[in-house]
Amino acid sequence: MRKIVWLIALLAIAALSAAFTKPSQAAVETELKSLFLQRLASTNPSAQENGGAFALTMMCKADHDACYEIVRAGLDVSYDDRTLYAAIDVSGFGESIRCYGAFTRFYCNGEIPVQNG
């Protein structure tokens, strides 16, 4: 019986922790930019076949903030507060991902969509 009480107490503490450390919408925007910059850093502009995509990639590497604002304008982001965690859907440019936010962290099933040529 004592083990059950401890288990219930532990689960209650975990649930409260999750509820209070769930990322906010502002944190989602910060994380989207971070994911975009990570994807941009791994992009090799010489590997692009399309001249427009090459130019965009080079411009993005020169001015990250301006480039992110251009890409962000093409993304549809929905934030769903689910009490213990947040579900975030990001779509645009023919791609989409779903992320979950809990305990101040994000877990995504893909890369942030970026403009393809």
PDB file of N, CA and C in Angstrom:
ATOM      1  N   MET A   1       0.821  -1.191   0.000  1.00  0.00           N
ATOM      2  CA  MET A   1       0.000   0.000   0.000  1.00  0.00           C
ATOM      3  C   MET A   1       0.870   1.262   0.000  1.00  0.00           C
ATOM      4  N   ARG A   2       1.964   1.195   0.758  1.00  0.00           N
ATOM      5  CA  ARG A   2       2.847   2.346   0.853  1.00  0.00           C
ATOM      6  C   ARG A   2       3.485   2.648  -0.514  1.00  0.00           C
ATOM      7  N   LYS A   3       3.813   1.601  -1.288  1.00  0.00           N
ATOM      8  CA  LYS A   3       4.397   1.788  -2.603  1.00  0.00           C
ATOM      9  C   LYS A   3       3.427   2.487  -3.544  1.00  0.00           C
ATOM     10  N   ILE A   4       2.163   2.165  -3.440  1.00  0.00           N
ATOM     11  CA  ILE A   4       1.144   2.785  -4.293  1.00  0.00           C
ATOM     12  C   ILE A   4       1.033   4.273  -3.973  1.00  0.00           C
ATOM     13  N   VAL A   5       1.073   4.621  -2.707  1.00  0.00           N
ATOM     14  CA  VAL A   5       0.996   6.032  -2.306  1.00  0.00           C
ATOM     15  C   VAL A   5       2.195   6.793  -2.871  1.00  0.00           C
ATOM     16  N   TRP A   6       3.385   6.200  -2.790  1.00  0.00           N
ATOM     17  CA  TRP A   6       4.589   6.844  -3.327  1.00  0.00           C
ATOM     18  C   TRP A   6       4.491   6.983  -4.849  1.00  0.00           C
ATOM     19  N   LEU A   7       3.970   5.970  -5.504  1.00  0.00           N
ATOM     20  CA  LEU A   7       3.823   6.014  -6.952  1.00  0.00           C
ATOM     21  C   LEU A   7       2.844   7.115  -7.360  1.00  0.00           C
ATOM     22  N   ILE A   8       1.740   7.221  -6.656  1.00  0.00           N
ATOM     23  CA  ILE A   8       0.755   8.266  -6.943  1.00  0.00           C
ATOM     24  C   ILE A   8       1.356   9.643  -6.694  1.00  0.00           C
ATOM     25  N   ALA A   9       2.096   9.791  -5.615  1.00  0.00           N
ATOM     26  CA  ALA A   9       2.741  11.066  -5.311  1.00  0.00           C
ATOM     27  C   ALA A   9       3.763  11.427  -6.389  1.00  0.00           C
ATOM     28  N   LEU A  10       4.538  10.446  -6.824  1.00  0.00           N
ATOM     29  CA  LEU A  10       5.539  10.673  -7.861  1.00  0.00           C
ATOM     30  C   LEU A  10       4.879  11.077  -9.181  1.00  0.00           C
ATOM     31  N   LEU A  11       3.796  10.412  -9.536  1.00  0.00           N
ATOM     32  CA  LEU A  11       3.067  10.753 -10.762  1.00  0.00           C
ATOM     33  C   LEU A  11       2.461  12.156 -10.681  1.00  0.00           C
ATOM     34  N   ALA A  12       1.956  12.525  -9.512  1.00  0.00           N
ATOM     35  CA  ALA A  12       1.383  13.863  -9.325  1.00  0.00           C
ATOM     36  C   ALA A  12       2.467  14.937  -9.465  1.00  0.00           C
ATOM     37  N   ILE A  13       3.637  14.683  -8.903  1.00  0.00           N
ATOM     38  CA  ILE A  13       4.740  15.634  -9.017  1.00  0.00           C
ATOM     39  C   ILE A  13       5.179  15.753 -10.480  1.00  0.00           C
ATOM     40  N   ALA A  14       5.261  14.639 -11.182  1.00  0.00           N
ATOM     41  CA  ALA A  14       5.650  14.661 -12.600  1.00  0.00           C
ATOM     42  C   ALA A  14       4.626  15.443 -13.426  1.00  0.00           C
ATOM     43  N   ALA A  15       3.354  15.239 -13.159  1.00  0.00           N
ATOM     44  CA  ALA A  15       2.303  15.954 -13.896  1.00  0.00           C
ATOM     45  C   ALA A  15       2.375  17.456 -13.624  1.00  0.00           C
ATOM     46  N   LEU A  16       2.575  17.833 -12.380  1.00  0.00           N
ATOM     47  CA  LEU A  16       2.700  19.257 -12.047  1.00  0.00           C
ATOM     48  C   LEU A  16       3.939  19.860 -12.709  1.00  0.00           C
ATOM     49  N   SER A  17       5.024  19.114 -12.692  1.00  0.00           N
ATOM     50  CA  SER A  17       6.248  19.590 -13.348  1.00  0.00           C
ATOM     51  C   SER A  17       6.010  19.799 -14.841  1.00  0.00           C
ATOM     52  N   ALA A  18       5.353  18.865 -15.463  1.00  0.00           N
ATOM     53  CA  ALA A  18       5.068  18.977 -16.898  1.00  0.00           C
ATOM     54  C   ALA A  18       4.193  20.190 -17.175  1.00  0.00           C
ATOM     55  N   ALA A  19       3.162  20.381 -16.372  1.00  0.00           N
ATOM     56  CA  ALA A  19       2.240  21.496 -16.575  1.00  0.00           C
ATOM     57  C   ALA A  19       2.946  22.845 -16.437  1.00  0.00           C
ATOM     58  N   PHE A  20       3.862  22.953 -15.493  1.00  0.00           N
ATOM     59  CA  PHE A  20       4.533  24.227 -15.256  1.00  0.00           C
ATOM     60  C   PHE A  20       5.763  24.454 -16.122  1.00  0.00           C
ATOM     61  N   THR A  21       6.242  23.437 -16.803  1.00  0.00           N
ATOM     62  CA  THR A  21       7.430  23.598 -17.651  1.00  0.00           C
ATOM     63  C   THR A  21       7.111  23.410 -19.134  1.00  0.00           C
ATOM     64  N   LYS A  22       5.838  23.389 -19.463  1.00  0.00           N
ATOM     65  CA  LYS A  22       5.413  23.269 -20.864  1.00  0.00           C
ATOM     66  C   LYS A  22       5.831  24.539 -21.605  1.00  0.00           C
ATOM     67  N   PRO A  23       6.476  24.427 -22.772  1.00  0.00           N
ATOM     68  CA  PRO A  23       6.915  25.608 -23.516  1.00  0.00           C
ATOM     69  C   PRO A  23       5.741  26.490 -23.948  1.00  0.00           C
ATOM     70  N   SER A  24       5.950  27.786 -23.879  1.00  0.00           N
ATOM     71  CA  SER A  24       4.935  28.761 -24.292  1.00  0.00           C
ATOM     72  C   SER A  24       5.005  28.985 -25.805  1.00  0.00           C
ATOM     73  N   GLN A  25       4.055  29.777 -26.319  1.00  0.00           N
ATOM     74  CA  GLN A  25       4.073  30.099 -27.745  1.00  0.00           C
ATOM     75  C   GLN A  25       5.335  30.889 -28.099  1.00  0.00           C
ATOM     76  N   ALA A  26       5.791  31.751 -27.212  1.00  0.00           N
ATOM     77  CA  ALA A  26       7.031  32.507 -27.458  1.00  0.00           C
ATOM     78  C   ALA A  26       8.222  31.554 -27.541  1.00  0.00           C
ATOM     79  N   ALA A  27       8.246  30.541 -26.697  1.00  0.00           N
ATOM     80  CA  ALA A  27       9.321  29.551 -26.739  1.00  0.00           C
ATOM     81  C   ALA A  27       9.272  28.754 -28.038  1.00  0.00           C
ATOM     82  N   VAL A  28       8.060  28.533 -28.558  1.00  0.00           N
ATOM     83  CA  VAL A  28       7.910  27.828 -29.835  1.00  0.00           C
ATOM     84  C   VAL A  28       8.566  28.638 -30.949  1.00  0.00           C
ATOM     85  N   GLU A  29       8.327  29.942 -30.975  1.00  0.00           N
ATOM     86  CA  GLU A  29       8.941  30.790 -32.003  1.00  0.00           C
ATOM     87  C   GLU A  29      10.464  30.761 -31.906  1.00  0.00           C
ATOM     88  N   THR A  30      10.981  30.810 -30.703  1.00  0.00           N
ATOM     89  CA  THR A  30      12.431  30.742 -30.495  1.00  0.00           C
ATOM     90  C   THR A  30      12.975  29.405 -30.985  1.00  0.00           C
ATOM     91  N   GLU A  31      12.272  28.324 -30.677  1.00  0.00           N
ATOM     92  CA  GLU A  31      12.716  26.998 -31.102  1.00  0.00           C
ATOM     93  C   GLU A  31      12.635  26.845 -32.622  1.00  0.00           C
ATOM     94  N   LEU A  32      11.592  27.402 -33.248  1.00  0.00           N
ATOM     95  CA  LEU A  32      11.486  27.338 -34.715  1.00  0.00           C
ATOM     96  C   LEU A  32      12.690  28.015 -35.361  1.00  0.00           C
ATOM     97  N   LYS A  33      13.066  29.168 -34.845  1.00  0.00           N
ATOM     98  CA  LYS A  33      14.214  29.875 -35.402  1.00  0.00           C
ATOM     99  C   LYS A  33      15.489  29.051 -35.204  1.00  0.00           C
ATOM    100  N   SER A  34      15.632  28.444 -34.038  1.00  0.00           N
ATOM    101  CA  SER A  34      16.801  27.608 -33.766  1.00  0.00           C
ATOM    102  C   SER A  34      16.854  26.418 -34.719  1.00  0.00           C
ATOM    103  N   LEU A  35      15.719  25.764 -34.936  1.00  0.00           N
ATOM    104  CA  LEU A  35      15.668  24.634 -35.867  1.00  0.00           C
ATOM    105  C   LEU A  35      16.000  25.076 -37.291  1.00  0.00           C
ATOM    106  N   PHE A  36      15.484  26.242 -37.678  1.00  0.00           N
ATOM    107  CA  PHE A  36      15.779  26.776 -39.004  1.00  0.00           C
ATOM    108  C   PHE A  36      17.274  27.031 -39.161  1.00  0.00           C
ATOM    109  N   LEU A  37      17.894  27.659 -38.170  1.00  0.00           N
ATOM    110  CA  LEU A  37      19.321  27.970 -38.251  1.00  0.00           C
ATOM    111  C   LEU A  37      20.162  26.697 -38.290  1.00  0.00           C
ATOM    112  N   GLN A  38      19.722  25.656 -37.570  1.00  0.00           N
ATOM    113  CA  GLN A  38      20.431  24.380 -37.621  1.00  0.00           C
ATOM    114  C   GLN A  38      20.346  23.780 -39.031  1.00  0.00           C
ATOM    115  N   ARG A  39      19.149  23.845 -39.617  1.00  0.00           N
ATOM    116  CA  ARG A  39      18.980  23.300 -40.967  1.00  0.00           C
ATOM    117  C   ARG A  39      19.769  24.120 -41.977  1.00  0.00           C
ATOM    118  N   LEU A  40      19.776  25.436 -41.813  1.00  0.00           N
ATOM    119  CA  LEU A  40      20.533  26.305 -42.706  1.00  0.00           C
ATOM    120  C   LEU A  40      22.030  26.003 -42.626  1.00  0.00           C
ATOM    121  N   ALA A  41      22.522  25.787 -41.421  1.00  0.00           N
ATOM    122  CA  ALA A  41      23.948  25.503 -41.234  1.00  0.00           C
ATOM    123  C   ALA A  41      24.362  24.199 -41.919  1.00  0.00           C
ATOM    124  N   SER A  42      23.445  23.264 -42.035  1.00  0.00           N
ATOM    125  CA  SER A  42      23.776  21.977 -42.657  1.00  0.00           C
ATOM    126  C   SER A  42      23.532  21.963 -44.163  1.00  0.00           C
ATOM    127  N   THR A  43      23.059  23.096 -44.714  1.00  0.00           N
ATOM    128  CA  THR A  43      22.787  23.190 -46.148  1.00  0.00           C
ATOM    129  C   THR A  43      24.058  23.554 -46.893  1.00  0.00           C
ATOM    130  N   ASN A  44      24.342  22.814 -47.944  1.00  0.00           N
ATOM    131  CA  ASN A  44      25.505  23.072 -48.773  1.00  0.00           C
ATOM    132  C   ASN A  44      25.036  23.779 -50.035  1.00  0.00           C
ATOM    133  N   PRO A  45      25.301  25.096 -50.170  1.00  0.00           N
ATOM    134  CA  PRO A  45      24.779  25.826 -51.330  1.00  0.00           C
ATOM    135  C   PRO A  45      25.265  25.295 -52.671  1.00  0.00           C
ATOM    136  N   SER A  46      26.426  24.702 -52.738  1.00  0.00           N
ATOM    137  CA  SER A  46      26.923  24.201 -54.009  1.00  0.00           C
ATOM    138  C   SER A  46      26.167  22.947 -54.454  1.00  0.00           C
ATOM    139  N   ALA A  47      25.455  22.317 -53.534  1.00  0.00           N
ATOM    140  CA  ALA A  47      24.703  21.117 -53.864  1.00  0.00           C
ATOM    141  C   ALA A  47      23.336  21.450 -54.479  1.00  0.00           C
ATOM    142  N   GLN A  48      22.961  22.720 -54.488  1.00  0.00           N
ATOM    143  CA  GLN A  48      21.670  23.122 -55.023  1.00  0.00           C
ATOM    144  C   GLN A  48      21.721  23.115 -56.551  1.00  0.00           C
ATOM    145  N   GLU A  49      20.712  22.551 -57.184  1.00  0.00           N
ATOM    146  CA  GLU A  49      20.665  22.515 -58.643  1.00  0.00           C
ATOM    147  C   GLU A  49      20.043  23.786 -59.213  1.00  0.00           C
ATOM    148  N   ASN A  50      19.073  24.351 -58.523  1.00  0.00           N
ATOM    149  CA  ASN A  50      18.324  25.507 -58.990  1.00  0.00           C
ATOM    150  C   ASN A  50      19.089  26.784 -58.633  1.00  0.00           C
ATOM    151  N   GLY A  51      19.291  27.674 -59.594  1.00  0.00           N
ATOM    152  CA  GLY A  51      20.017  28.920 -59.347  1.00  0.00           C
ATOM    153  C   GLY A  51      19.340  29.794 -58.319  1.00  0.00           C
ATOM    154  N   GLY A  52      17.989  29.843 -58.319  1.00  0.00           N
ATOM    155  CA  GLY A  52      17.258  30.635 -57.337  1.00  0.00           C
ATOM    156  C   GLY A  52      17.449  30.100 -55.936  1.00  0.00           C
ATOM    157  N   ALA A  53      17.459  28.794 -55.789  1.00  0.00           N
ATOM    158  CA  ALA A  53      17.680  28.190 -54.473  1.00  0.00           C
ATOM    159  C   ALA A  53      19.093  28.469 -53.995  1.00  0.00           C
ATOM    160  N   PHE A  54      20.063  28.448 -54.922  1.00  0.00           N
ATOM    161  CA  PHE A  54      21.447  28.759 -54.580  1.00  0.00           C
ATOM    162  C   PHE A  54      21.547  30.191 -54.053  1.00  0.00           C
ATOM    163  N   ALA A  55      20.923  31.134 -54.779  1.00  0.00           N
ATOM    164  CA  ALA A  55      20.965  32.545 -54.372  1.00  0.00           C
ATOM    165  C   ALA A  55      20.297  32.735 -53.009  1.00  0.00           C
ATOM    166  N   LEU A  56      19.150  32.085 -52.799  1.00  0.00           N
ATOM    167  CA  LEU A  56      18.454  32.199 -51.520  1.00  0.00           C
ATOM    168  C   LEU A  56      19.307  31.630 -50.393  1.00  0.00           C
ATOM    169  N   THR A  57      19.920  30.489 -50.621  1.00  0.00           N
ATOM    170  CA  THR A  57      20.759  29.878 -49.594  1.00  0.00           C
ATOM    171  C   THR A  57      21.935  30.782 -49.251  1.00  0.00           C
ATOM    172  N   MET A  58      22.559  31.366 -50.257  1.00  0.00           N
ATOM    173  CA  MET A  58      23.692  32.263 -50.006  1.00  0.00           C
ATOM    174  C   MET A  58      23.235  33.502 -49.236  1.00  0.00           C
ATOM    175  N   MET A  59      22.083  34.065 -49.612  1.00  0.00           N
ATOM    176  CA  MET A  59      21.557  35.225 -48.893  1.00  0.00           C
ATOM    177  C   MET A  59      21.257  34.857 -47.448  1.00  0.00           C
ATOM    178  N   CYS A  60      20.715  33.670 -47.250  1.00  0.00           N
ATOM    179  CA  CYS A  60      20.374  33.220 -45.901  1.00  0.00           C
ATOM    180  C   CYS A  60      21.625  33.061 -45.042  1.00  0.00           C
ATOM    181  N   LYS A  61      22.680  32.561 -45.637  1.00  0.00           N
ATOM    182  CA  LYS A  61      23.919  32.392 -44.872  1.00  0.00           C
ATOM    183  C   LYS A  61      24.526  33.748 -44.521  1.00  0.00           C
ATOM    184  N   ALA A  62      24.230  34.783 -45.325  1.00  0.00           N
ATOM    185  CA  ALA A  62      24.762  36.120 -45.065  1.00  0.00           C
ATOM    186  C   ALA A  62      23.946  36.867 -44.007  1.00  0.00           C
ATOM    187  N   ASP A  63      22.631  36.693 -43.992  1.00  0.00           N
ATOM    188  CA  ASP A  63      21.773  37.421 -43.042  1.00  0.00           C
ATOM    189  C   ASP A  63      20.706  36.473 -42.495  1.00  0.00           C
ATOM    190  N   HIS A  64      21.024  35.784 -41.420  1.00  0.00           N
ATOM    191  CA  HIS A  64      20.132  34.771 -40.842  1.00  0.00           C
ATOM    192  C   HIS A  64      18.773  35.334 -40.444  1.00  0.00           C
ATOM    193  N   ASP A  65      18.764  36.495 -39.784  1.00  0.00           N
ATOM    194  CA  ASP A  65      17.500  37.039 -39.286  1.00  0.00           C
ATOM    195  C   ASP A  65      16.547  37.396 -40.417  1.00  0.00           C
ATOM    196  N   ALA A  66      17.044  38.075 -41.443  1.00  0.00           N
ATOM    197  CA  ALA A  66      16.190  38.457 -42.573  1.00  0.00           C
ATOM    198  C   ALA A  66      15.671  37.218 -43.288  1.00  0.00           C
ATOM    199  N   CYS A  67      16.537  36.245 -43.451  1.00  0.00           N
ATOM    200  CA  CYS A  67      16.136  35.017 -44.126  1.00  0.00           C
ATOM    201  C   CYS A  67      15.065  34.283 -43.323  1.00  0.00           C
ATOM    202  N   TYR A  68      15.265  34.204 -42.018  1.00  0.00           N
ATOM    203  CA  TYR A  68      14.271  33.520 -41.188  1.00  0.00           C
ATOM    204  C   TYR A  68      12.915  34.211 -41.299  1.00  0.00           C
ATOM    205  N   GLU A  69      12.896  35.529 -41.324  1.00  0.00           N
ATOM    206  CA  GLU A  69      11.626  36.255 -41.428  1.00  0.00           C
ATOM    207  C   GLU A  69      10.917  35.925 -42.742  1.00  0.00           C
ATOM    208  N   ILE A  70      11.684  35.771 -43.818  1.00  0.00           N
ATOM    209  CA  ILE A  70      11.093  35.407 -45.119  1.00  0.00           C
ATOM    210  C   ILE A  70      10.500  33.998 -45.043  1.00  0.00           C
ATOM    211  N   VAL A  71      11.263  33.066 -44.508  1.00  0.00           N
ATOM    212  CA  VAL A  71      10.792  31.684 -44.394  1.00  0.00           C
ATOM    213  C   VAL A  71       9.615  31.599 -43.429  1.00  0.00           C
ATOM    214  N   ARG A  72       9.699  32.297 -42.293  1.00  0.00           N
ATOM    215  CA  ARG A  72       8.634  32.239 -41.279  1.00  0.00           C
ATOM    216  C   ARG A  72       7.303  32.718 -41.846  1.00  0.00           C
ATOM    217  N   ALA A  73       7.343  33.707 -42.741  1.00  0.00           N
ATOM    218  CA  ALA A  73       6.115  34.220 -43.349  1.00  0.00           C
ATOM    219  C   ALA A  73       5.401  33.137 -44.160  1.00  0.00           C
ATOM    220  N   GLY A  74       6.140  32.148 -44.637  1.00  0.00           N
ATOM    221  CA  GLY A  74       5.546  31.069 -45.427  1.00  0.00           C
ATOM    222  C   GLY A  74       5.129  29.855 -44.625  1.00  0.00           C
ATOM    223  N   LEU A  75       5.282  29.922 -43.299  1.00  0.00           N
ATOM    224  CA  LEU A  75       4.930  28.781 -42.450  1.00  0.00           C
ATOM    225  C   LEU A  75       3.616  29.007 -41.731  1.00  0.00           C
ATOM    226  N   ASP A  76       2.847  27.962 -41.626  1.00  0.00           N
ATOM    227  CA  ASP A  76       1.624  27.977 -40.829  1.00  0.00           C
ATOM    228  C   ASP A  76       1.933  27.193 -39.549  1.00  0.00           C
ATOM    229  N   VAL A  77       1.852  27.880 -38.413  1.00  0.00           N
ATOM    230  CA  VAL A  77       2.195  27.260 -37.135  1.00  0.00           C
ATOM    231  C   VAL A  77       0.960  27.276 -36.242  1.00  0.00           C
ATOM    232  N   SER A  78       0.600  26.084 -35.735  1.00  0.00           N
ATOM    233  CA  SER A  78      -0.514  26.032 -34.789  1.00  0.00           C
ATOM    234  C   SER A  78      -0.008  25.471 -33.460  1.00  0.00           C
ATOM    235  N   TYR A  79      -0.404  26.135 -32.387  1.00  0.00           N
ATOM    236  CA  TYR A  79       0.009  25.778 -31.028  1.00  0.00           C
ATOM    237  C   TYR A  79      -1.223  25.266 -30.294  1.00  0.00           C
ATOM    238  N   ASP A  80      -1.145  24.056 -29.798  1.00  0.00           N
ATOM    239  CA  ASP A  80      -2.267  23.452 -29.092  1.00  0.00           C
ATOM    240  C   ASP A  80      -1.839  23.137 -27.657  1.00  0.00           C
ATOM    241  N   ASP A  81      -2.373  23.894 -26.708  1.00  0.00           N
ATOM    242  CA  ASP A  81      -2.051  23.711 -25.292  1.00  0.00           C
ATOM    243  C   ASP A  81      -2.852  22.521 -24.766  1.00  0.00           C
ATOM    244  N   ARG A  82      -2.154  21.472 -24.382  1.00  0.00           N
ATOM    245  CA  ARG A  82      -2.818  20.253 -23.921  1.00  0.00           C
ATOM    246  C   ARG A  82      -2.554  19.970 -22.446  1.00  0.00           C
ATOM    247  N   THR A  83      -2.587  20.977 -21.637  1.00  0.00           N
ATOM    248  CA  THR A  83      -2.433  20.930 -20.191  1.00  0.00           C
ATOM    249  C   THR A  83      -1.054  20.469 -19.737  1.00  0.00           C
ATOM    250  N   LEU A  84      -0.658  19.243 -20.021  1.00  0.00           N
ATOM    251  CA  LEU A  84       0.634  18.736 -19.564  1.00  0.00           C
ATOM    252  C   LEU A  84       1.738  18.907 -20.601  1.00  0.00           C
ATOM    253  N   TYR A  85       1.371  19.169 -21.840  1.00  0.00           N
ATOM    254  CA  TYR A  85       2.342  19.363 -22.909  1.00  0.00           C
ATOM    255  C   TYR A  85       1.698  20.222 -23.988  1.00  0.00           C
ATOM    256  N   ALA A  86       2.492  20.638 -24.953  1.00  0.00           N
ATOM    257  CA  ALA A  86       1.987  21.408 -26.083  1.00  0.00           C
ATOM    258  C   ALA A  86       2.246  20.618 -27.365  1.00  0.00           C
ATOM    259  N   ALA A  87       1.296  20.676 -28.279  1.00  0.00           N
ATOM    260  CA  ALA A  87       1.466  20.066 -29.599  1.00  0.00           C
ATOM    261  C   ALA A  87       1.566  21.207 -30.602  1.00  0.00           C
ATOM    262  N   ILE A  88       2.599  21.163 -31.421  1.00  0.00           N
ATOM    263  CA  ILE A  88       2.844  22.224 -32.382  1.00  0.00           C
ATOM    264  C   ILE A  88       2.922  21.611 -33.775  1.00  0.00           C
ATOM    265  N   ASP A  89       2.092  22.110 -34.683  1.00  0.00           N
ATOM    266  CA  ASP A  89       2.121  21.672 -36.077  1.00  0.00           C
ATOM    267  C   ASP A  89       2.687  22.807 -36.916  1.00  0.00           C
ATOM    268  N   VAL A  90       3.671  22.492 -37.746  1.00  0.00           N
ATOM    269  CA  VAL A  90       4.306  23.472 -38.620  1.00  0.00           C
ATOM    270  C   VAL A  90       4.210  22.938 -40.039  1.00  0.00           C
ATOM    271  N   SER A  91       3.640  23.755 -40.936  1.00  0.00           N
ATOM    272  CA  SER A  91       3.547  23.326 -42.330  1.00  0.00           C
ATOM    273  C   SER A  91       3.853  24.502 -43.246  1.00  0.00           C
ATOM    274  N   GLY A  92       4.321  24.167 -44.414  1.00  0.00           N
ATOM    275  CA  GLY A  92       4.626  25.170 -45.422  1.00  0.00           C
ATOM    276  C   GLY A  92       5.598  24.609 -46.433  1.00  0.00           C
ATOM    277  N   PHE A  93       5.607  25.185 -47.632  1.00  0.00           N
ATOM    278  CA  PHE A  93       6.531  24.792 -48.688  1.00  0.00           C
ATOM    279  C   PHE A  93       6.428  23.304 -49.013  1.00  0.00           C
ATOM    280  N   GLY A  94       5.232  22.740 -48.881  1.00  0.00           N
ATOM    281  CA  GLY A  94       5.012  21.340 -49.222  1.00  0.00           C
ATOM    282  C   GLY A  94       5.502  20.343 -48.185  1.00  0.00           C
ATOM    283  N   GLU A  95       5.883  20.809 -47.020  1.00  0.00           N
ATOM    284  CA  GLU A  95       6.360  19.935 -45.952  1.00  0.00           C
ATOM    285  C   GLU A  95       5.584  20.238 -44.676  1.00  0.00           C
ATOM    286  N   SER A  96       5.634  19.306 -43.740  1.00  0.00           N
ATOM    287  CA  SER A  96       5.034  19.567 -42.427  1.00  0.00           C
ATOM    288  C   SER A  96       5.733  18.718 -41.370  1.00  0.00           C
ATOM    289  N   ILE A  97       5.720  19.242 -40.145  1.00  0.00           N
ATOM    290  CA  ILE A  97       6.253  18.491 -39.007  1.00  0.00           C
ATOM    291  C   ILE A  97       5.326  18.690 -37.822  1.00  0.00           C
ATOM    292  N   ARG A  98       5.440  17.812 -36.885  1.00  0.00           N
ATOM    293  CA  ARG A  98       4.713  17.936 -35.624  1.00  0.00           C
ATOM    294  C   ARG A  98       5.747  17.868 -34.515  1.00  0.00           C
ATOM    295  N   CYS A  99       5.632  18.796 -33.583  1.00  0.00           N
ATOM    296  CA  CYS A  99       6.515  18.829 -32.423  1.00  0.00           C
ATOM    297  C   CYS A  99       5.673  18.766 -31.155  1.00  0.00           C
ATOM    298  N   TYR A 100       6.270  18.214 -30.135  1.00  0.00           N
ATOM    299  CA  TYR A 100       5.652  18.194 -28.818  1.00  0.00           C
ATOM    300  C   TYR A 100       6.586  18.924 -27.873  1.00  0.00           C
ATOM    301  N   GLY A 101       6.030  19.758 -27.027  1.00  0.00           N
ATOM    302  CA  GLY A 101       6.824  20.484 -26.044  1.00  0.00           C
ATOM    303  C   GLY A 101       6.429  20.054 -24.649  1.00  0.00           C
ATOM    304  N   ALA A 102       7.423  19.657 -23.875  1.00  0.00           N
ATOM    305  CA  ALA A 102       7.193  19.263 -22.480  1.00  0.00           C
ATOM    306  C   ALA A 102       8.509  19.397 -21.722  1.00  0.00           C
ATOM    307  N   PHE A 103       8.415  19.741 -20.462  1.00  0.00           N
ATOM    308  CA  PHE A 103       9.601  19.862 -19.611  1.00  0.00           C
ATOM    309  C   PHE A 103      10.640  20.794 -20.251  1.00  0.00           C
ATOM    310  N   THR A 104      10.185  21.910 -20.816  1.00  0.00           N
ATOM    311  CA  THR A 104      10.995  22.940 -21.484  1.00  0.00           C
ATOM    312  C   THR A 104      11.755  22.435 -22.706  1.00  0.00           C
ATOM    313  N   ARG A 105      11.416  21.288 -23.246  1.00  0.00           N
ATOM    314  CA  ARG A 105      12.107  20.712 -24.409  1.00  0.00           C
ATOM    315  C   ARG A 105      11.113  20.498 -25.536  1.00  0.00           C
ATOM    316  N   PHE A 106      11.658  20.353 -26.736  1.00  0.00           N
ATOM    317  CA  PHE A 106      10.843  20.078 -27.908  1.00  0.00           C
ATOM    318  C   PHE A 106      11.287  18.768 -28.532  1.00  0.00           C
ATOM    319  N   TYR A 107      10.318  18.028 -29.016  1.00  0.00           N
ATOM    320  CA  TYR A 107      10.561  16.748 -29.683  1.00  0.00           C
ATOM    321  C   TYR A 107       9.806  16.793 -31.004  1.00  0.00           C
ATOM    322  N   CYS A 108      10.530  16.756 -32.128  1.00  0.00           N
ATOM    323  CA  CYS A 108       9.913  16.907 -33.443  1.00  0.00           C
ATOM    324  C   CYS A 108      10.115  15.660 -34.288  1.00  0.00           C
ATOM    325  N   ASN A 109       9.190  15.457 -35.225  1.00  0.00           N
ATOM    326  CA  ASN A 109       9.263  14.284 -36.099  1.00  0.00           C
ATOM    327  C   ASN A 109       9.856  14.608 -37.467  1.00  0.00           C
ATOM    328  N   GLY A 110      10.614  15.655 -37.562  1.00  0.00           N
ATOM    329  CA  GLY A 110      11.243  16.031 -38.836  1.00  0.00           C
ATOM    330  C   GLY A 110      11.963  17.351 -38.710  1.00  0.00           C
ATOM    331  N   GLU A 111      12.292  17.929 -39.878  1.00  0.00           N
ATOM    332  CA  GLU A 111      12.976  19.223 -39.909  1.00  0.00           C
ATOM    333  C   GLU A 111      11.993  20.321 -40.275  1.00  0.00           C
ATOM    334  N   ILE A 112      12.299  21.531 -39.843  1.00  0.00           N
ATOM    335  CA  ILE A 112      11.451  22.673 -40.152  1.00  0.00           C
ATOM    336  C   ILE A 112      11.388  22.848 -41.673  1.00  0.00           C
ATOM    337  N   PRO A 113      10.184  23.051 -42.212  1.00  0.00           N
ATOM    338  CA  PRO A 113      10.073  23.250 -43.662  1.00  0.00           C
ATOM    339  C   PRO A 113      10.771  24.540 -44.085  1.00  0.00           C
ATOM    340  N   VAL A 114      11.466  24.492 -45.202  1.00  0.00           N
ATOM    341  CA  VAL A 114      12.074  25.695 -45.781  1.00  0.00           C
ATOM    342  C   VAL A 114      11.729  25.726 -47.251  1.00  0.00           C
ATOM    343  N   GLN A 115      11.872  26.894 -47.843  1.00  0.00           N
ATOM    344  CA  GLN A 115      11.511  27.076 -49.236  1.00  0.00           C
ATOM    345  C   GLN A 115      12.409  26.256 -50.139  1.00  0.00           C
ATOM    346  N   ASN A 116      11.801  25.532 -51.008  1.00  0.00           N
ATOM    347  CA  ASN A 116      12.531  24.724 -51.993  1.00  0.00           C
ATOM    348  C   ASN A 116      12.461  25.411 -53.340  1.00  0.00           C
ATOM    349  N   GLY A 117      13.584  26.028 -53.715  1.00  0.00           N
ATOM    350  CA  GLY A 117      13.693  26.674 -55.028  1.00  0.00           C
ATOM    351  C   GLY A 117      12.544  27.532 -55.329  1.00  0.00           C
TER     352      GLY A 117
END
